[in-house]
Amino acid sequence: MFGLKGRRDGYKFCFPKEFICPEIEEKYAKILQEKKGFYLSPIEFINESIQKIQVLGFQNATVQQKQQATGIENINLIQNNRDKRNAFPHTASDVSYRAAISPLELIDKTFNIEFKHSLGFLNYFLLFENFFYLYARDTANEKLIDKFTINVLNENGCIYCKIHLYNPIINGMDMLDLDMSQPIAQSQTFKIEFKYSNFDFEFIEITPEDDDL
């Protein structure tokens, strides 16, 4: 169930349909229809270009404080008569303690999504334009998404965990890297960074029948 077999655990994340503004949806739906591709809607086109996601994690869970050492004599005793040429005096030592702030404040509330560039960078410009439309016109935050959900899958493709990210907001987007000095295109992927306000996750009980699928 947890990836101990030959196959690895996977995930499933899709933007909800309302993530793309209706005006942007209509504009790029016409472009996709003209291309006569496999995608029926812009949101499906965007979701299929997702390559990798990064979520949760924390940093700075400790604080360091310097403490005076007890001297070279005690150090030699601890070293069990070790050769003095290999001993050196410790004037101070950094001791780590747990941070005093709440663990929730340590969580890096960043959600990174990496996309594969489509031909003509169509998905990049779709997301770029959608960002500007939301931030320029939705000043009351009425069209922002309430929640993202990431489904974590076991090796049999069954969902055993859901990660919920509440009030996600776009914080940054990679630059479009165009380089004529290279014989082949170097810009293969790009990343969008979201910030969210809170998170939750739940484990789902899987029956033996589901796990054997």
Protein backbone atom coordinates (compact mmCIF):
# COMPACT_ATOMS: atom_id res chain seq x y z
CA MET A 1 0.00 0.00 0.00
CA PHE A 2 2.82 2.42 0.83
CA GLY A 3 5.08 1.75 -2.11
CA LEU A 4 7.05 -1.20 -0.72
CA LYS A 5 6.38 -3.16 -3.90
CA GLY A 6 7.92 -2.56 -7.31
CA ARG A 7 5.45 0.19 -8.23
CA ARG A 8 5.56 3.57 -6.54
CA ASP A 9 2.80 5.56 -4.91
CA GLY A 10 1.27 8.23 -7.13
CA TYR A 11 -0.96 11.26 -6.93
CA LYS A 12 -3.81 12.94 -8.74
CA PHE A 13 -4.30 16.68 -8.78
CA CYS A 14 -6.57 18.65 -11.08
CA PHE A 15 -7.59 22.28 -11.08
CA PRO A 16 -11.33 22.69 -10.57
CA LYS A 17 -13.26 23.94 -13.59
CA GLU A 18 -13.93 27.33 -12.00
CA PHE A 19 -10.17 28.00 -11.75
CA ILE A 20 -10.23 29.45 -15.28
CA CYS A 21 -12.36 32.56 -15.77
CA PRO A 22 -15.31 32.15 -18.18
CA GLU A 23 -13.89 34.79 -20.53
CA ILE A 24 -10.51 33.04 -20.70
CA GLU A 25 -12.26 29.68 -21.02
CA GLU A 26 -14.20 30.89 -24.05
CA LYS A 27 -11.16 32.46 -25.72
CA TYR A 28 -8.88 29.44 -25.42
CA ALA A 29 -11.63 26.92 -26.14
CA LYS A 30 -11.84 28.41 -29.64
CA ILE A 31 -8.07 28.10 -30.05
CA LEU A 32 -8.12 24.44 -29.00
CA GLN A 33 -10.99 23.72 -31.38
CA GLU A 34 -9.04 25.26 -34.25
CA LYS A 35 -6.05 23.07 -33.40
CA LYS A 36 -8.28 19.97 -33.59
CA GLY A 37 -6.44 18.33 -30.71
CA PHE A 38 -7.47 15.76 -28.14
CA TYR A 39 -8.52 18.25 -25.46
CA LEU A 40 -12.14 19.31 -25.20
CA SER A 41 -11.70 22.21 -22.76
CA PRO A 42 -8.93 24.55 -21.54
CA ILE A 43 -9.10 23.19 -17.99
CA GLU A 44 -8.53 19.65 -19.28
CA PHE A 45 -5.63 20.97 -21.38
CA ILE A 46 -4.04 22.61 -18.32
CA ASN A 47 -4.52 19.59 -16.05
CA GLU A 48 -2.91 17.24 -18.57
CA SER A 49 0.23 19.41 -18.68
CA ILE A 50 0.91 19.08 -14.91
CA GLN A 51 4.19 17.22 -14.37
CA LYS A 52 5.06 17.55 -10.68
CA ILE A 53 3.79 19.07 -7.46
CA GLN A 54 5.44 19.99 -4.14
CA VAL A 55 3.52 20.54 -0.93
CA LEU A 56 3.88 20.72 2.87
CA GLY A 57 7.31 20.57 4.54
CA PHE A 58 8.70 22.83 7.26
CA GLN A 59 11.91 24.60 8.29
CA ASN A 60 13.49 26.38 11.27
CA ALA A 61 12.00 24.04 13.88
CA THR A 62 15.00 24.58 16.18
CA VAL A 63 16.90 27.48 17.72
CA GLN A 64 20.61 27.43 18.55
CA GLN A 65 22.20 28.78 21.69
CA LYS A 66 25.91 28.92 22.44
CA GLN A 67 27.09 27.34 25.70
CA GLN A 68 30.55 27.53 27.26
CA ALA A 69 32.57 24.33 27.15
CA THR A 70 33.99 22.74 30.30
CA GLY A 71 37.61 22.96 29.20
CA ILE A 72 40.23 20.83 27.49
CA GLU A 73 40.83 18.71 30.60
CA ASN A 74 37.30 17.31 30.68
CA ILE A 75 37.38 16.80 26.95
CA ASN A 76 40.48 14.65 27.32
CA LEU A 77 38.72 12.53 29.94
CA ILE A 78 35.80 11.97 27.60
CA GLN A 79 38.18 11.01 24.84
CA ASN A 80 39.65 8.23 27.01
CA ASN A 81 43.28 9.39 26.97
CA ARG A 82 43.18 10.15 23.26
CA ASP A 83 46.38 11.49 21.74
CA LYS A 84 46.59 15.22 22.52
CA ARG A 85 47.60 15.94 18.96
CA ASN A 86 44.10 14.94 17.89
CA ALA A 87 42.34 16.93 20.62
CA PHE A 88 41.38 20.58 20.38
CA PRO A 89 39.84 22.98 22.93
CA HIS A 90 36.15 23.85 22.54
CA THR A 91 35.52 27.44 23.53
CA ALA A 92 31.78 27.23 22.86
CA SER A 93 29.23 24.86 21.41
CA ASP A 94 25.91 25.39 19.61
CA VAL A 95 23.13 23.54 21.39
CA SER A 96 19.84 23.02 19.54
CA TYR A 97 16.46 23.45 21.19
CA ARG A 98 12.97 23.10 19.80
CA ALA A 99 11.41 26.34 18.58
CA ALA A 100 8.96 28.01 20.92
CA ILE A 101 6.45 28.93 18.22
CA SER A 102 3.47 26.81 17.20
CA PRO A 103 4.20 23.90 14.81
CA LEU A 104 1.55 25.29 12.44
CA GLU A 105 3.63 28.44 12.02
CA LEU A 106 6.60 26.33 10.90
CA ILE A 107 4.76 24.77 7.96
CA ASP A 108 5.84 26.18 4.61
CA LYS A 109 2.40 26.99 3.17
CA THR A 110 3.69 26.84 -0.39
CA PHE A 111 2.24 24.70 -3.17
CA ASN A 112 4.44 24.36 -6.27
CA ILE A 113 3.09 23.03 -9.55
CA GLU A 114 5.39 22.24 -12.46
CA PHE A 115 3.95 22.19 -15.98
CA LYS A 116 5.32 20.88 -19.23
CA HIS A 117 5.37 23.50 -21.96
CA SER A 118 2.92 22.83 -24.75
CA LEU A 119 3.60 23.60 -28.40
CA GLY A 120 3.61 27.36 -28.83
CA PHE A 121 3.61 27.82 -25.03
CA LEU A 122 -0.18 27.85 -25.17
CA ASN A 123 -0.68 26.58 -21.62
CA TYR A 124 1.79 29.18 -20.30
CA PHE A 125 -0.07 32.08 -21.89
CA LEU A 126 -3.42 30.65 -20.80
CA LEU A 127 -2.34 30.59 -17.15
CA PHE A 128 -0.55 33.92 -17.46
CA GLU A 129 -3.62 35.66 -18.86
CA ASN A 130 -5.92 33.94 -16.38
CA PHE A 131 -3.77 35.28 -13.53
CA PHE A 132 -3.98 38.86 -14.77
CA TYR A 133 -7.71 38.63 -15.35
CA LEU A 134 -8.33 37.36 -11.82
CA TYR A 135 -6.10 39.89 -10.09
CA ALA A 136 -7.11 42.89 -12.19
CA ARG A 137 -10.88 42.36 -12.25
CA ASP A 138 -11.72 40.19 -9.26
CA THR A 139 -10.87 42.84 -6.68
CA ALA A 140 -13.44 41.45 -4.23
CA ASN A 141 -11.89 37.96 -4.33
CA GLU A 142 -15.22 36.49 -5.37
CA LYS A 143 -13.76 34.17 -8.02
CA LEU A 144 -10.82 32.81 -6.09
CA ILE A 145 -10.77 29.07 -5.39
CA ASP A 146 -11.74 27.98 -1.88
CA LYS A 147 -9.79 24.74 -1.83
CA PHE A 148 -7.38 22.52 -3.76
CA THR A 149 -7.45 18.77 -3.13
CA ILE A 150 -4.55 16.40 -3.81
CA ASN A 151 -5.38 12.70 -3.97
CA VAL A 152 -2.50 10.41 -2.98
CA LEU A 153 -2.69 6.98 -4.61
CA ASN A 154 -1.20 3.67 -3.60
CA GLU A 155 0.51 1.28 -6.01
CA ASN A 156 -2.87 -0.08 -7.13
CA GLY A 157 -4.21 3.35 -8.03
CA CYS A 158 -6.58 3.57 -5.04
CA ILE A 159 -6.91 6.84 -3.11
CA TYR A 160 -5.71 6.39 0.46
CA CYS A 161 -5.02 10.01 1.42
CA LYS A 162 -6.46 13.44 0.59
CA ILE A 163 -4.56 16.67 1.20
CA HIS A 164 -6.73 19.79 1.30
CA LEU A 165 -5.22 23.27 0.78
CA TYR A 166 -7.52 26.13 1.71
CA ASN A 167 -7.65 29.59 0.08
CA PRO A 168 -4.84 29.04 -2.46
CA ILE A 169 -3.57 32.19 -4.17
CA ILE A 170 -1.00 32.49 -6.94
CA ASN A 171 2.24 33.93 -5.57
CA GLY A 172 4.59 33.62 -8.54
CA MET A 173 5.20 32.20 -11.99
CA ASP A 174 8.43 31.32 -13.79
CA MET A 175 9.67 33.55 -16.57
CA LEU A 176 9.33 32.33 -20.14
CA ASP A 177 12.87 31.28 -21.06
CA LEU A 178 13.51 31.85 -24.78
CA ASP A 179 17.10 31.30 -25.94
CA MET A 180 18.05 31.46 -29.63
CA SER A 181 21.68 30.50 -28.87
CA GLN A 182 20.74 26.87 -28.21
CA PRO A 183 20.14 24.38 -31.06
CA ILE A 184 17.07 22.96 -29.30
CA ALA A 185 14.49 24.52 -27.00
CA GLN A 186 15.77 24.69 -23.43
CA SER A 187 12.56 25.79 -21.74
CA GLN A 188 10.77 22.47 -21.20
CA THR A 189 8.87 23.18 -17.98
CA PHE A 190 7.69 26.10 -15.89
CA LYS A 191 6.47 26.43 -12.33
CA ILE A 192 3.64 28.28 -10.60
CA GLU A 193 3.82 28.92 -6.87
CA PHE A 194 0.70 29.12 -4.72
CA LYS A 195 0.36 30.24 -1.12
CA TYR A 196 -2.46 28.86 1.02
CA SER A 197 -3.89 29.80 4.40
CA ASN A 198 -4.45 26.41 6.00
CA PHE A 199 -4.33 22.69 5.22
CA ASP A 200 -5.78 19.40 6.30
CA PHE A 201 -5.29 15.76 5.30
CA GLU A 202 -7.28 12.62 5.80
CA PHE A 203 -6.46 8.94 5.41
CA ILE A 204 -9.06 6.76 3.77
CA GLU A 205 -9.65 3.19 4.80
CA ILE A 206 -9.14 0.83 1.88
CA THR A 207 -10.77 -2.57 1.89
CA PRO A 208 -8.77 -5.62 0.79
CA GLU A 209 -11.00 -5.86 -2.29
CA ASP A 210 -10.08 -2.30 -3.32
CA ASP A 211 -6.39 -2.88 -2.65
CA ASP A 212 -6.35 -5.93 -4.93
CA LEU A 213 -7.73 -4.04 -7.93
